[in-house]
Protein backbone atom coordinates (compact mmCIF):
# COMPACT_ATOMS: atom_id res chain seq x y z
CA MET A 1 -18.81 -38.27 -21.81
CA ALA A 2 -18.10 -34.75 -22.30
CA ASP A 3 -16.95 -32.33 -19.87
CA THR A 4 -20.17 -30.98 -17.49
CA THR A 5 -20.60 -27.76 -15.88
CA LEU A 6 -22.44 -28.54 -12.68
CA SER A 7 -24.73 -25.75 -10.90
CA ALA A 8 -22.24 -24.52 -8.21
CA GLY A 9 -22.12 -21.72 -5.45
CA THR A 10 -18.98 -19.55 -4.69
CA VAL A 11 -17.98 -20.29 -1.25
CA THR A 12 -15.74 -17.33 0.47
CA TRP A 13 -14.45 -16.76 4.09
CA THR A 14 -12.27 -14.00 5.75
CA ILE A 15 -10.40 -15.13 9.04
CA ALA A 16 -8.19 -13.26 11.38
CA ASN A 17 -6.04 -14.60 13.88
CA GLN A 18 -5.95 -12.67 17.21
CA ILE A 19 -2.42 -12.41 18.04
CA GLU A 20 -2.38 -10.17 21.16
CA GLY A 21 -4.62 -7.95 22.83
CA SER A 22 -6.95 -6.61 20.29
CA THR A 23 -4.61 -7.03 17.33
CA ALA A 24 -5.74 -9.37 14.64
CA ARG A 25 -4.01 -10.29 11.47
CA GLY A 26 -4.98 -12.39 8.50
CA ALA A 27 -4.85 -16.11 8.78
CA ASN A 28 -2.95 -18.46 6.41
CA GLY A 29 -3.51 -22.16 5.68
CA TYR A 30 -6.12 -23.98 3.76
CA VAL A 31 -9.68 -25.51 3.96
CA GLU A 32 -10.70 -28.45 2.83
CA PHE A 33 -14.22 -29.08 1.82
CA GLU A 34 -15.51 -32.91 1.70
CA ALA A 35 -19.10 -34.45 0.96
CA SER A 36 -21.04 -36.02 3.32
CA ALA A 37 -22.37 -38.36 0.52
CA VAL A 38 -20.38 -40.75 -1.52
CA ALA A 39 -22.55 -40.14 -4.53
CA ALA A 40 -25.49 -37.62 -4.98
CA PHE A 41 -28.14 -37.22 -7.93
CA HIS A 42 -27.57 -33.84 -9.47
CA GLY A 43 -29.58 -32.96 -12.54
CA GLY A 44 -29.84 -36.04 -14.44
CA LEU A 45 -26.36 -37.44 -13.62
CA THR A 46 -24.73 -39.34 -10.80
CA LEU A 47 -22.36 -37.05 -9.13
CA LEU A 48 -19.19 -38.32 -7.11
CA PRO A 49 -18.30 -35.36 -5.33
CA SER A 50 -14.41 -35.33 -5.03
CA PRO A 51 -12.69 -33.46 -2.20
CA GLN A 52 -11.89 -29.74 -2.57
CA ARG A 53 -9.25 -27.45 -1.26
CA ALA A 54 -8.69 -23.69 -1.37
CA GLU A 55 -5.75 -21.87 0.12
CA MET A 56 -6.52 -19.18 2.66
CA VAL A 57 -3.64 -16.29 2.41
CA ASP A 58 -3.86 -13.23 4.70
CA GLY A 59 -6.90 -14.24 5.93
CA GLU A 60 -8.75 -14.11 2.41
CA LEU A 61 -10.11 -17.72 1.01
CA THR A 62 -9.44 -18.21 -2.31
CA PRO A 63 -12.98 -18.11 -3.32
CA ILE A 64 -13.88 -21.77 -4.55
CA ASP A 65 -16.97 -23.00 -6.59
CA LEU A 66 -18.68 -26.06 -5.06
CA PRO A 67 -21.42 -28.11 -6.50
CA VAL A 68 -24.98 -27.19 -5.04
CA ASN A 69 -26.13 -29.88 -2.50
CA ASP A 70 -29.61 -31.01 -1.76
CA ALA A 71 -29.75 -29.71 1.90
CA ASN A 72 -32.30 -32.68 2.54
CA VAL A 73 -30.04 -35.54 1.47
CA TRP A 74 -26.22 -34.38 1.92
CA ASN A 75 -24.21 -31.29 2.65
CA TRP A 76 -20.48 -30.27 2.76
CA LYS A 77 -18.23 -31.06 5.25
CA VAL A 78 -15.53 -28.03 6.04
CA THR A 79 -12.09 -28.75 7.97
CA PRO A 80 -10.43 -25.51 8.43
CA HIS A 81 -6.67 -25.83 8.59
CA VAL A 82 -5.10 -22.48 9.54
CA GLY A 83 -3.30 -22.57 12.64
CA VAL A 84 -5.40 -23.88 15.44
CA GLU A 85 -7.60 -26.86 16.35
CA TRP A 86 -10.79 -26.37 14.60
CA PRO A 87 -13.51 -28.90 14.59
CA SER A 88 -14.92 -29.54 11.16
CA PHE A 89 -18.40 -28.31 10.56
CA HIS A 90 -21.01 -28.92 7.91
CA ILE A 91 -22.63 -26.18 5.56
CA ASN A 92 -25.06 -26.09 2.43
CA VAL A 93 -24.29 -24.25 -0.82
CA PRO A 94 -27.05 -22.69 -2.50
CA GLU A 95 -26.55 -21.13 -6.17
CA GLU A 96 -25.91 -17.88 -4.83
CA GLY A 97 -23.14 -19.04 -2.86
CA THR A 98 -22.34 -18.68 0.71
CA ASP A 99 -19.75 -16.94 2.98
CA LEU A 100 -18.52 -19.10 5.81
CA SER A 101 -17.71 -15.91 8.61
CA SER A 102 -21.06 -16.58 10.40
CA ALA A 103 -21.52 -20.36 9.44
CA ALA A 104 -18.21 -20.97 11.04
CA ILE A 105 -19.15 -20.45 15.06
CA THR A 106 -18.24 -23.63 16.57
CA PRO A 107 -21.45 -24.78 18.49
CA GLY A 108 -21.16 -25.05 22.38
CA THR A 109 -21.27 -22.86 25.34
CA GLY A 110 -21.66 -19.75 23.54
CA PRO A 111 -21.00 -16.99 22.04
CA VAL A 112 -24.42 -16.18 22.20
CA ARG A 113 -25.44 -13.37 19.86
CA VAL A 114 -27.62 -10.67 21.23
CA LEU A 115 -30.49 -10.20 18.90
CA GLN A 116 -32.89 -7.19 19.28
CA GLY A 117 -36.73 -8.01 19.32
CA PRO A 118 -39.86 -5.71 18.46
CA GLN A 119 -40.07 -2.60 20.41
CA GLY A 120 -42.53 -2.90 23.32
CA GLY A 121 -44.02 -0.24 25.56
CA SER A 122 -41.79 2.00 27.85
CA VAL A 123 -41.99 2.09 31.22
CA VAL A 124 -42.83 5.73 32.69
CA GLY A 125 -43.85 5.15 36.24
CA ALA A 126 -44.66 2.53 39.01
CA GLU A 127 -47.84 2.36 41.41
CA ASP A 128 -47.14 0.85 44.98
CA GLN A 129 -50.48 -1.15 45.35
CA GLY A 130 -49.71 -1.28 49.31
CA ASP A 131 -50.12 -5.12 49.64
CA GLY A 132 -46.93 -5.91 48.54
CA THR A 133 -47.49 -5.89 44.71
CA ILE A 134 -46.53 -3.22 42.26
CA ARG A 135 -47.96 -1.81 38.91
CA PHE A 136 -45.64 -0.40 36.16
CA VAL A 137 -47.18 2.35 34.17
CA LEU A 138 -46.46 2.23 30.50
CA ASP A 139 -46.02 5.16 28.10
CA ASP A 140 -49.28 4.42 26.25
CA GLY A 141 -51.42 5.00 29.61
CA THR A 142 -51.80 1.04 30.67
CA ARG A 143 -50.68 -0.57 33.77
CA THR A 144 -49.47 -4.12 34.15
CA ASP A 145 -51.18 -6.52 36.27
CA PRO A 146 -50.00 -6.31 40.06
CA MET A 147 -46.55 -7.99 40.47
CA PRO A 148 -45.13 -9.09 43.77
CA ILE A 149 -42.27 -7.38 45.23
CA THR A 150 -40.00 -9.54 47.13
CA ARG A 151 -36.43 -8.52 48.27
CA GLY A 152 -33.98 -11.28 48.37
CA PRO A 153 -30.66 -11.56 49.86
CA ALA A 154 -28.00 -9.68 48.43
CA GLY A 155 -26.03 -11.63 45.72
CA PRO A 156 -22.24 -11.42 44.91
CA PRO A 157 -21.50 -8.42 42.84
CA ASN A 158 -20.80 -9.38 39.08
CA SER A 159 -17.61 -8.73 37.53
CA ILE A 160 -17.40 -8.61 33.69
CA SER A 161 -13.98 -8.74 31.67
CA ILE A 162 -13.71 -7.86 28.54
CA GLY A 163 -12.58 -10.80 26.49
CA THR A 164 -11.79 -10.49 22.48
CA VAL A 165 -12.67 -7.31 20.40
CA THR A 166 -12.58 -8.58 16.90
CA LYS A 167 -13.38 -6.88 13.54
CA GLY A 168 -16.50 -7.78 11.73
CA ASP A 169 -19.11 -6.14 9.41
CA THR A 170 -22.03 -6.69 11.81
CA PRO A 171 -21.61 -5.24 15.38
CA TYR A 172 -22.80 -7.90 18.12
CA ALA A 173 -21.96 -8.48 21.71
CA SER A 174 -21.59 -11.95 23.48
CA LEU A 175 -21.70 -12.51 27.00
CA ILE A 176 -20.05 -15.69 28.29
CA GLY A 177 -20.21 -17.66 31.70
CA LYS A 178 -22.45 -17.07 34.55
CA ALA A 179 -22.63 -14.44 37.40
CA PRO A 180 -20.45 -13.37 39.28
CA GLU A 181 -17.79 -14.03 36.78
CA GLN A 182 -18.57 -13.38 33.24
CA THR A 183 -16.68 -12.44 29.91
CA LEU A 184 -18.25 -9.74 27.20
CA ASN A 185 -16.64 -10.46 23.87
CA LEU A 186 -17.22 -7.69 21.27
CA VAL A 187 -17.28 -7.61 17.22
CA LEU A 188 -17.07 -3.78 16.15
CA PRO A 189 -17.00 -2.71 12.52
CA LYS A 190 -13.74 -1.24 11.41
CA GLY A 191 -14.01 2.57 11.45
CA ASP A 192 -12.64 4.86 8.72
CA PRO A 193 -9.08 5.63 8.45
CA GLY A 194 -7.51 8.58 9.74
CA ASP A 195 -6.46 10.83 6.57
CA PRO A 196 -2.67 11.97 6.96
CA GLU A 197 -3.59 15.05 5.06
CA ASP A 198 -5.63 16.25 7.73
CA LEU A 199 -2.28 17.15 9.34
CA ILE A 200 -1.75 19.80 6.75
CA ASP A 201 -3.45 22.55 8.53
CA ALA A 202 -2.75 20.90 12.13
CA THR A 203 -0.96 22.46 15.03
CA PRO A 204 2.62 21.74 15.64
CA GLU A 205 1.50 20.03 18.82
CA GLN A 206 -1.40 17.96 17.18
CA ARG A 207 1.48 16.76 14.53
CA GLY A 208 3.99 15.23 17.33
CA LEU A 209 6.40 18.06 16.80
CA MET A 210 7.83 20.91 19.45
CA SER A 211 5.19 23.13 20.80
CA ALA A 212 6.00 26.64 21.78
CA ASP A 213 6.40 25.99 25.27
CA ASP A 214 8.77 23.03 24.17
CA LYS A 215 10.84 25.56 21.96
CA ALA A 216 11.08 27.85 25.03
CA ALA A 217 12.03 25.23 26.99
CA LEU A 218 14.67 24.11 24.63
CA ASP A 219 16.41 27.73 24.34
CA ALA A 220 17.04 27.97 27.89
CA LEU A 221 19.10 24.84 27.86
CA PRO A 222 22.77 24.66 27.29
CA ASP A 223 24.06 24.13 23.90
CA SER A 224 25.28 20.76 24.72
CA VAL A 225 21.87 19.30 26.53
CA ALA A 226 19.82 21.30 23.80
CA ALA A 227 21.38 19.58 21.13
CA VAL A 228 20.24 15.95 22.59
CA GLU A 229 16.83 17.47 23.08
CA GLN A 230 16.27 18.53 19.88
CA GLU A 231 17.36 15.09 18.50
CA THR A 232 14.63 13.58 20.87
CA LEU A 233 11.64 15.93 19.97
CA TYR A 234 12.28 16.29 16.25
CA ARG A 235 14.13 13.47 14.55
CA ALA A 236 12.11 10.80 12.92
CA ARG A 237 8.76 12.31 14.03
CA THR A 238 7.84 14.27 10.59
CA PRO A 239 4.95 12.32 8.94
CA ALA A 240 4.87 12.16 5.21
CA ILE A 241 2.50 10.93 2.75
CA VAL A 242 2.75 9.11 -0.63
CA THR A 243 -0.17 9.64 -3.19
CA TYR A 244 -0.34 8.89 -6.57
CA GLY A 245 -1.93 10.32 -9.89
CA THR A 246 -1.81 10.26 -13.77
CA VAL A 247 -0.32 12.80 -15.96
CA ALA A 248 -0.20 12.35 -20.00
CA ASN A 249 -0.95 8.59 -19.60
CA THR A 250 1.82 7.90 -17.31
CA ARG A 251 1.74 7.24 -13.45
CA TYR A 252 3.59 9.14 -10.94
CA SER A 253 4.11 9.12 -6.97
CA HIS A 254 4.27 12.02 -5.13
CA LEU A 255 5.89 12.10 -1.82
CA ARG A 256 5.23 15.24 0.79
CA THR A 257 6.81 15.76 4.21
CA LEU A 258 3.94 17.31 6.57
CA ALA A 259 6.43 19.31 8.90
CA GLY A 260 4.80 22.68 8.40
CA ARG A 261 8.40 23.98 7.75
CA PRO A 262 12.01 22.90 7.08
CA MET A 263 13.34 20.51 9.24
CA PRO A 264 16.91 20.22 10.37
CA ASP A 265 18.78 16.90 9.25
CA MET A 266 15.59 15.44 7.82
CA VAL A 267 17.13 15.37 4.46
CA THR A 268 20.78 14.34 3.99
CA LYS A 269 23.21 13.25 0.88
CA ARG A 270 24.78 9.85 0.63
CA PHE A 271 27.36 8.77 -1.92
CA ALA A 272 27.12 5.22 -3.08
CA THR A 273 28.62 2.53 -1.60
CA SER A 274 31.19 4.84 0.44
CA ASP A 275 31.31 8.51 1.65
CA ASN A 276 35.32 8.56 1.18
CA GLN A 277 35.34 9.88 -2.33
CA GLY A 278 37.47 11.98 -4.85
CA THR A 279 36.95 15.51 -5.82
CA GLY A 280 36.49 16.61 -9.18
CA ALA A 281 37.32 14.66 -12.19
CA GLU A 282 37.85 11.85 -9.36
CA LEU A 283 34.28 11.98 -7.83
CA VAL A 284 33.21 8.56 -9.41
CA PRO A 285 31.18 6.78 -6.98
CA THR A 286 30.44 2.86 -7.59
CA ARG A 287 26.78 3.07 -8.18
CA GLU A 288 24.27 1.41 -5.80
CA THR A 289 20.70 0.64 -5.78
CA PRO A 290 18.15 2.56 -3.74
CA ALA A 291 17.44 -0.69 -1.83
CA SER A 292 21.04 -1.15 -0.94
CA PHE A 293 21.03 2.31 0.25
CA ALA A 294 18.13 1.94 2.38
CA ARG A 295 19.80 -1.61 4.10
CA ARG A 296 23.05 0.27 4.65
CA THR A 297 21.74 3.71 5.90
CA GLY A 298 18.42 2.58 7.25
CA ALA A 299 16.65 5.74 5.65
CA ALA A 300 13.23 5.82 5.39
CA VAL A 301 13.09 6.97 1.73
CA VAL A 302 15.54 6.68 -0.70
CA ALA A 303 15.49 8.67 -4.13
CA ASN A 304 17.89 8.95 -6.74
CA GLY A 305 19.68 12.37 -7.28
CA SER A 306 22.60 13.44 -9.48
CA GLY A 307 23.21 12.67 -12.91
CA TRP A 308 26.90 11.39 -14.03
CA GLN A 309 28.84 11.34 -17.48
CA VAL A 310 27.70 8.92 -19.57
CA SER A 311 30.95 9.66 -22.08
CA GLY A 312 34.29 10.68 -21.67
CA ASN A 313 35.19 10.34 -17.88
CA VAL A 314 32.19 8.03 -17.66
CA GLY A 315 30.51 8.06 -14.04
CA GLU A 316 32.09 11.24 -13.07
CA LEU A 317 29.20 13.22 -11.04
CA ARG A 318 27.68 16.42 -12.83
CA GLY A 319 27.37 19.67 -11.51
CA ALA A 320 27.66 21.05 -7.62
CA GLN A 321 28.23 18.36 -5.34
CA ILE A 322 27.83 19.28 -1.66
CA PHE A 323 28.32 16.71 1.16
CA ASN A 324 28.38 17.81 4.60
CA GLY A 325 29.45 21.08 3.79
CA GLN A 326 32.46 19.61 1.62
CA ILE A 327 32.84 20.37 -1.60
CA PHE A 328 33.47 17.52 -4.02
CA HIS A 329 32.56 19.04 -7.56
CA ASP A 330 31.69 22.20 -8.96
CA PHE A 331 29.42 23.38 -11.69
CA GLU A 332 29.45 22.75 -15.39
CA ASP A 333 29.53 25.41 -18.06
CA PHE A 334 26.23 25.88 -19.59
CA ASP A 335 27.77 26.61 -23.01
CA GLU A 336 29.40 23.01 -22.85
CA SER A 337 26.68 20.96 -21.32
CA PRO A 338 22.75 21.59 -20.51
CA ALA A 339 23.36 18.82 -17.26
CA GLY A 340 24.72 19.88 -14.12
CA VAL A 341 24.46 23.54 -14.72
CA ASP A 342 21.72 23.94 -11.97
CA ALA A 343 21.60 22.29 -8.56
CA LEU A 344 19.17 21.68 -5.27
CA GLY A 345 20.61 22.43 -1.97
CA VAL A 346 19.67 21.89 1.38
CA LYS A 347 20.89 24.41 4.35
CA SER A 348 21.77 23.33 7.77
CA ASP A 349 18.47 24.64 9.12
CA GLY A 350 16.65 22.30 6.56
CA THR A 351 15.40 24.97 3.92
CA ILE A 352 15.38 23.68 0.41
CA ALA A 353 16.78 25.99 -2.46
CA ALA A 354 17.64 26.03 -6.15
CA TYR A 355 21.17 27.33 -7.58
CA SER A 356 22.71 27.96 -10.61
CA GLN A 357 25.77 28.58 -12.85
CA ARG A 358 23.69 30.63 -14.99
CA TRP A 359 23.02 32.93 -11.98
CA GLY A 360 26.71 33.15 -10.95
CA ASP A 361 26.41 30.59 -8.41
CA THR A 362 29.17 28.39 -7.36
CA ALA A 363 29.84 25.51 -5.07
CA ALA A 364 31.73 27.56 -2.72
CA SER A 365 28.93 30.45 -2.61
CA MET A 366 26.33 27.76 -1.85
CA VAL A 367 28.40 26.64 1.00
CA ASP A 368 28.49 30.43 2.08
CA ASP A 369 24.72 30.66 2.05
CA GLY A 370 24.33 27.71 4.41
CA VAL A 371 24.04 24.49 1.80
CA ILE A 372 25.45 21.46 3.48
CA HIS A 373 24.26 18.92 0.69
CA SER A 374 23.56 19.39 -2.78
CA TRP A 375 22.56 17.13 -5.89
CA SER A 376 22.73 18.37 -9.64
CA HIS A 377 21.70 17.16 -12.96
CA GLY A 378 18.47 18.93 -14.81
CA PRO A 379 17.19 22.26 -14.73
CA VAL A 380 15.39 24.59 -12.40
CA ILE A 381 11.84 23.97 -13.40
CA VAL A 382 9.93 25.99 -10.76
CA ARG A 383 11.01 29.12 -9.10
CA ASP A 384 9.09 31.48 -6.67
CA GLY A 385 5.92 29.14 -7.29
CA SER A 386 6.10 29.72 -11.11
CA ALA A 387 7.19 27.51 -13.97
CA GLU A 388 10.42 28.35 -15.51
CA LYS A 389 10.85 28.92 -19.53
CA PHE A 390 13.01 27.05 -21.28
CA ASP A 391 13.30 29.44 -24.56
CA ASP A 392 17.30 29.12 -24.39
CA LYS A 393 18.41 26.59 -27.42
CA ARG A 394 20.80 24.99 -24.89
CA TRP A 395 18.03 23.49 -22.89
CA THR A 396 16.92 21.56 -26.30
CA TYR A 397 17.87 18.15 -24.88
CA PHE A 398 15.63 18.27 -21.70
CA VAL A 399 12.84 20.16 -23.77
CA SER A 400 12.66 17.56 -26.45
CA GLU A 401 13.40 14.36 -24.60
CA ILE A 402 10.16 13.08 -23.10
CA SER A 403 10.98 10.16 -20.34
CA ALA A 404 10.60 9.12 -16.86
CA ARG A 405 11.06 12.14 -14.38
CA GLN A 406 12.43 13.10 -10.88
CA ILE A 407 11.23 16.17 -9.57
CA VAL A 408 12.76 17.41 -6.12
CA GLY A 409 12.06 20.49 -4.31
CA ALA A 410 9.80 22.21 -1.59
CA ASN A 411 6.41 24.02 -1.32
CA ALA A 412 5.42 27.53 0.04
CA LEU A 413 5.95 26.06 3.90
CA GLY A 414 9.30 24.66 3.00
CA GLU A 415 8.06 20.99 3.33
CA LEU A 416 10.30 18.55 1.06
CA MET A 417 8.58 16.88 -1.98
CA ILE A 418 9.41 14.53 -4.40
CA THR A 419 7.53 13.44 -7.45
CA THR A 420 8.73 10.44 -9.74
CA VAL A 421 6.90 10.02 -13.02
CA SER A 422 7.01 6.86 -14.74
CA GLY A 423 8.17 6.76 -18.32
CA LYS A 424 10.46 5.23 -21.03
CA THR A 425 12.40 7.06 -23.37
CA SER A 426 12.47 4.62 -26.01
CA ASP A 427 8.79 4.56 -26.20
CA ASN A 428 8.49 8.41 -25.69
CA VAL A 429 6.42 8.11 -22.61
CA GLY A 430 6.98 10.09 -19.65
CA LEU A 431 7.42 14.08 -19.74
CA ASN A 432 10.00 16.78 -21.08
CA ALA A 433 11.12 19.57 -18.94
CA PRO A 434 8.15 22.13 -19.21
CA GLY A 435 5.81 19.08 -18.85
CA ALA A 436 7.58 18.41 -15.64
CA ALA A 437 7.33 21.93 -14.51
CA SER A 438 3.55 22.22 -15.54
CA LEU A 439 3.21 19.15 -12.97
CA ALA A 440 5.34 20.61 -10.36
CA VAL A 441 3.55 23.82 -10.23
CA SER A 442 -0.02 21.82 -10.09
CA LEU A 443 1.46 19.96 -7.06
CA GLY A 444 2.15 23.14 -5.22
CA TYR A 445 6.09 23.15 -5.68
CA GLU A 446 7.35 26.78 -4.75
CA VAL A 447 10.92 25.75 -5.85
CA ALA A 448 11.85 22.66 -8.23
CA VAL A 449 14.74 20.88 -9.88
CA LEU A 450 14.91 17.83 -12.08
CA MET A 451 17.42 15.36 -10.89
CA ASP A 452 18.83 12.29 -13.19
CA GLY A 453 15.68 10.96 -15.14
CA GLY A 454 15.21 7.78 -17.28
CA GLY A 455 15.74 4.67 -15.85
CA SER A 456 17.39 6.52 -12.84
CA ALA A 457 14.25 8.31 -11.76
CA GLN A 458 12.87 5.92 -8.93
CA THR A 459 11.74 6.49 -5.17
CA ARG A 460 11.62 3.64 -2.24
CA ALA A 461 10.01 4.02 0.99
CA GLY A 462 11.30 1.40 3.74
CA SER A 463 11.17 -1.87 1.87
CA THR A 464 8.64 -0.81 -0.76
CA PRO A 465 9.33 0.68 -4.18
CA VAL A 466 7.35 3.75 -4.48
CA MET A 467 7.96 4.31 -8.12
CA VAL A 468 10.11 1.62 -9.81
CA SER A 469 12.93 2.39 -12.53
CA SER A 470 11.65 1.75 -16.38
CA ASP A 471 14.75 -0.61 -16.71
CA SER A 472 12.57 -3.77 -16.88
CA GLY A 473 11.10 -3.39 -13.35
CA HIS A 474 14.43 -3.45 -11.48
CA GLU A 475 16.21 -0.90 -9.72
CA ARG A 476 18.84 1.05 -11.35
CA PRO A 477 22.33 1.42 -9.36
CA VAL A 478 22.81 5.23 -8.94
CA PRO A 479 25.79 7.22 -7.71
CA ASP A 480 24.08 9.00 -4.98
CA ALA A 481 20.98 9.41 -3.19
CA ILE A 482 18.53 11.75 -1.36
CA LEU A 483 17.65 10.34 2.22
CA VAL A 484 14.51 11.46 4.04
CA ASP A 485 13.98 10.54 7.67
CA VAL A 486 10.27 10.50 7.99
CA ASP A 487 7.34 8.56 9.07
CA VAL A 488 5.82 7.47 5.77
CA THR A 489 2.50 6.93 5.12
CA ASP A 490 1.90 5.21 1.74
CA ARG A 491 -1.69 5.82 0.24
CA SER A 492 -1.29 2.68 -1.64
CA ALA A 493 -1.02 0.29 0.91
CA ASP A 494 -4.36 -0.75 -0.51
CA THR A 495 -4.53 -0.11 -4.28
CA GLY A 496 -7.83 -1.57 -4.28
CA TRP A 497 -8.63 -3.51 -7.38
CA ILE A 498 -7.28 -2.13 -10.77
CA ASP A 499 -8.11 -3.27 -14.23
CA GLY A 500 -5.59 -5.12 -16.17
CA THR A 501 -5.47 -4.34 -19.86
CA VAL A 502 -6.55 -7.33 -22.34
CA LEU A 503 -4.38 -7.33 -25.46
CA PRO A 504 -5.87 -7.38 -28.54
CA GLY A 505 -6.97 -10.55 -29.82
CA PHE A 506 -8.03 -12.27 -26.64
CA ALA A 507 -10.89 -11.54 -24.33
CA ALA A 508 -12.16 -11.29 -20.91
CA ASN A 509 -13.86 -14.19 -19.03
CA GLN A 510 -17.58 -13.40 -18.99
CA GLY A 511 -16.58 -9.90 -19.49
CA ASN A 512 -15.04 -9.19 -16.28
CA SER A 513 -11.53 -7.54 -17.03
CA PRO A 514 -8.79 -9.81 -15.18
CA GLN A 515 -7.35 -7.38 -12.20
CA VAL A 516 -4.61 -6.89 -10.14
CA ARG A 517 -4.48 -5.31 -6.23
CA LYS A 518 -1.72 -4.71 -4.07
CA ARG A 519 -2.45 -4.86 -0.25
CA GLY A 520 0.92 -4.15 2.10
CA GLY A 521 3.57 -6.10 0.18
CA ARG A 522 1.77 -8.50 -1.81
CA VAL A 523 -0.05 -8.34 -5.40
CA SER A 524 -2.89 -10.56 -6.24
CA MET A 525 -4.76 -11.09 -9.34
CA ARG A 526 -8.48 -12.42 -10.05
CA ARG A 527 -10.79 -13.10 -12.82
CA GLY A 528 -9.39 -14.44 -16.07
CA VAL A 529 -9.47 -14.96 -19.98
CA ASP A 530 -11.64 -17.32 -22.08
CA LYS A 531 -10.07 -19.21 -25.11
CA THR A 532 -10.71 -16.45 -27.64
CA GLY A 533 -7.24 -15.97 -29.39
CA LEU A 534 -5.70 -19.12 -27.70
CA SER A 535 -4.92 -22.51 -29.11
CA ALA A 536 -3.53 -25.75 -27.24
CA SER A 537 0.23 -26.07 -26.24
CA GLY A 538 0.99 -22.32 -27.14
CA SER A 539 2.46 -19.34 -25.18
CA PHE A 540 0.37 -16.30 -25.61
CA GLU A 541 1.16 -12.71 -24.24
CA ILE A 542 -2.54 -11.75 -22.94
CA MET A 543 -2.70 -8.66 -20.73
CA SER A 544 -0.79 -6.09 -19.03
CA PHE A 545 -0.93 -4.07 -16.01
CA PRO A 546 0.89 -1.03 -14.11
CA PRO A 547 4.69 -1.98 -13.88
CA ASP A 548 4.97 -0.49 -10.42
CA LEU A 549 3.12 -3.87 -9.15
CA ALA A 550 4.95 -6.35 -11.35
CA PRO A 551 7.54 -8.46 -9.37
CA THR A 552 10.90 -7.90 -9.24
CA GLU A 553 11.84 -11.20 -10.80
CA TRP A 554 9.58 -13.03 -13.23
CA LYS A 555 7.16 -15.55 -11.76
CA TYR A 556 5.80 -18.70 -13.20
CA ILE A 557 2.42 -19.50 -11.50
CA PRO A 558 -0.25 -22.26 -12.47
CA VAL A 559 -3.74 -20.81 -13.23
CA ALA A 560 -7.12 -22.95 -13.09
CA GLY A 561 -8.72 -24.27 -16.39
CA SER A 562 -11.85 -26.26 -16.59
CA SER A 563 -10.47 -29.36 -15.43
CA ALA A 564 -6.91 -30.68 -14.41
CA ALA A 565 -5.92 -31.68 -17.81
CA ALA A 566 -6.63 -28.18 -19.09
CA THR A 567 -4.85 -26.24 -16.80
CA GLY A 568 -2.15 -23.30 -17.92
CA MET A 569 0.59 -21.17 -16.24
CA ALA A 570 0.71 -17.68 -15.92
CA VAL A 571 4.24 -16.18 -16.69
CA VAL A 572 4.56 -12.51 -14.94
CA SER A 573 6.99 -10.53 -16.06
CA SER A 574 8.97 -7.93 -13.87
CA THR A 575 7.46 -5.42 -16.73
CA GLY A 576 3.76 -5.99 -15.66
CA ARG A 577 3.00 -8.42 -18.73
CA VAL A 578 1.20 -11.44 -18.37
CA THR A 579 1.78 -14.74 -20.97
CA LEU A 580 -0.47 -17.63 -20.82
CA ARG A 581 0.98 -21.12 -21.52
CA THR A 582 -1.68 -23.46 -22.36
CA SER A 583 -1.41 -27.16 -21.65
CA ASP A 584 -2.35 -29.83 -24.64
CA THR A 585 -5.97 -29.85 -23.62
CA LEU A 586 -7.57 -26.23 -24.47
CA SER A 587 -9.58 -25.07 -21.44
CA PRO A 588 -12.62 -22.60 -22.34
CA TYR A 589 -11.40 -20.26 -19.56
CA TYR A 590 -8.13 -19.85 -17.56
CA LEU A 591 -8.40 -18.07 -14.13
CA PHE A 592 -5.96 -16.11 -12.48
CA ASP A 593 -7.53 -16.23 -8.69
CA ALA A 594 -4.70 -18.24 -7.32
CA VAL A 595 -2.04 -15.80 -8.89
CA TRP A 596 0.07 -13.66 -6.42
CA TRP A 597 3.48 -12.56 -5.56
CA ASP A 598 5.10 -10.32 -2.98
CA VAL A 599 6.92 -7.10 -3.94
CA ASP A 600 10.02 -5.53 -2.05
């Protein structure tokens, strides 16, 4: 007989393991579904329900479609394998599907869900009848029948301890055990997350920074002790937030520190591989990836900085290069090169400022001005909160080339900001210098300088790329880096479901666009495509999604078809493209619900 589509319902389930105290984390494992009947009558055919299995990943069961059962004849036995001894239980699967979150409570002594009944009258008074009985007066004016009052002996005091406090959509409480020793278990809905942007208008004390009283106490200490106190009170306490946006049809990330002022020692420079470097033409560091910088230095944030010579003395750093107050390289001549003419400097007090050979600055004058670290490549694009002009023909390169961009500077409060714009020079995607200046002004930069762009434009927060290089999704080694010591909140911790782009000639399954979602360090896919544009035993590039969600290495992952003979394979590239490889038997559809990968 031909393949037959059964009437089915979707089964879902969310499980969290209680790790310690009130901490809960998503469970991992799998769940087996086994029919209680060997064979069942199902719409004109005899159905042999075969055992089914669905994976549990980070607390989310991969949704599974099971044939609808006749609740009067047979049902499905569910056996969880999620790291604990969990007895099997039985469920019915209706056409509208079922969620197992409440059906999976094991019967026995408790937990007892407290349900609220209809509201009765309220007691507003009591009348002693003088004969050992009492009548209660209700709020509607009626009175209860006399009830005897018999005082018994005092019982032992009850002791109620808190058991588990877990997250759920519906709040309820269960009281386990008998007096005088009982345990109260609570299920509470998750509250709204706090917004780090609330810190923008917070006081220094609310940010966890130094208060006025602390500052006065610090000033009264000897210098040697004050240095230690300042390290304790300031370092690694500055919060930072990463947000995302779209400009010129491409995405950008925006990191902003929330210190409320410049912060000493928060922003530092490091050369690749080693800080022991030559000077002048001998400043040619062996390049290093941002991930390697992060592992080697322990920096919370790593962003690319300076550009280098791509011809002649290849690898020589451009422009004013200052590290720990020592000069390693001076500015380029604007008449000879548009790169390396301007620079970004960080002073010992944390102030971020722009400098230029065009204004008569030199590396030596920058050091005299208090600069201890500097980076150089592109032009100053924002000064005093206004976009710079690029009328001079010597800026032609930065005006004409559209590419990925790295913008670094500070707002009017002196807070460091780093904006990484994705793009690709060969595809004419990204921004030119005037476009970058316009974006920087809109984001509140008071001063901003373009660092090296193109495939070098990349930022990493901890172990996660905030914005990846355009070099096929891989990190590009760079000669120096901007390191930032902050506590980062990445607003992309859960991106939510993002629609992928189904390429021309193919069609989304049931009209629902395939989607991707990043939660923490894992990216998942869902939904799928139908057979439009496909043929058996073929390989088809069917869709794309944002490249910053792509795996660092290509992934080859089986996808579900209508039968075991009609499965396929999804090939997920490091640039966010998905290729589907079909088997000898063409399926009417291919689903991506089991496709996921981890990102660094």
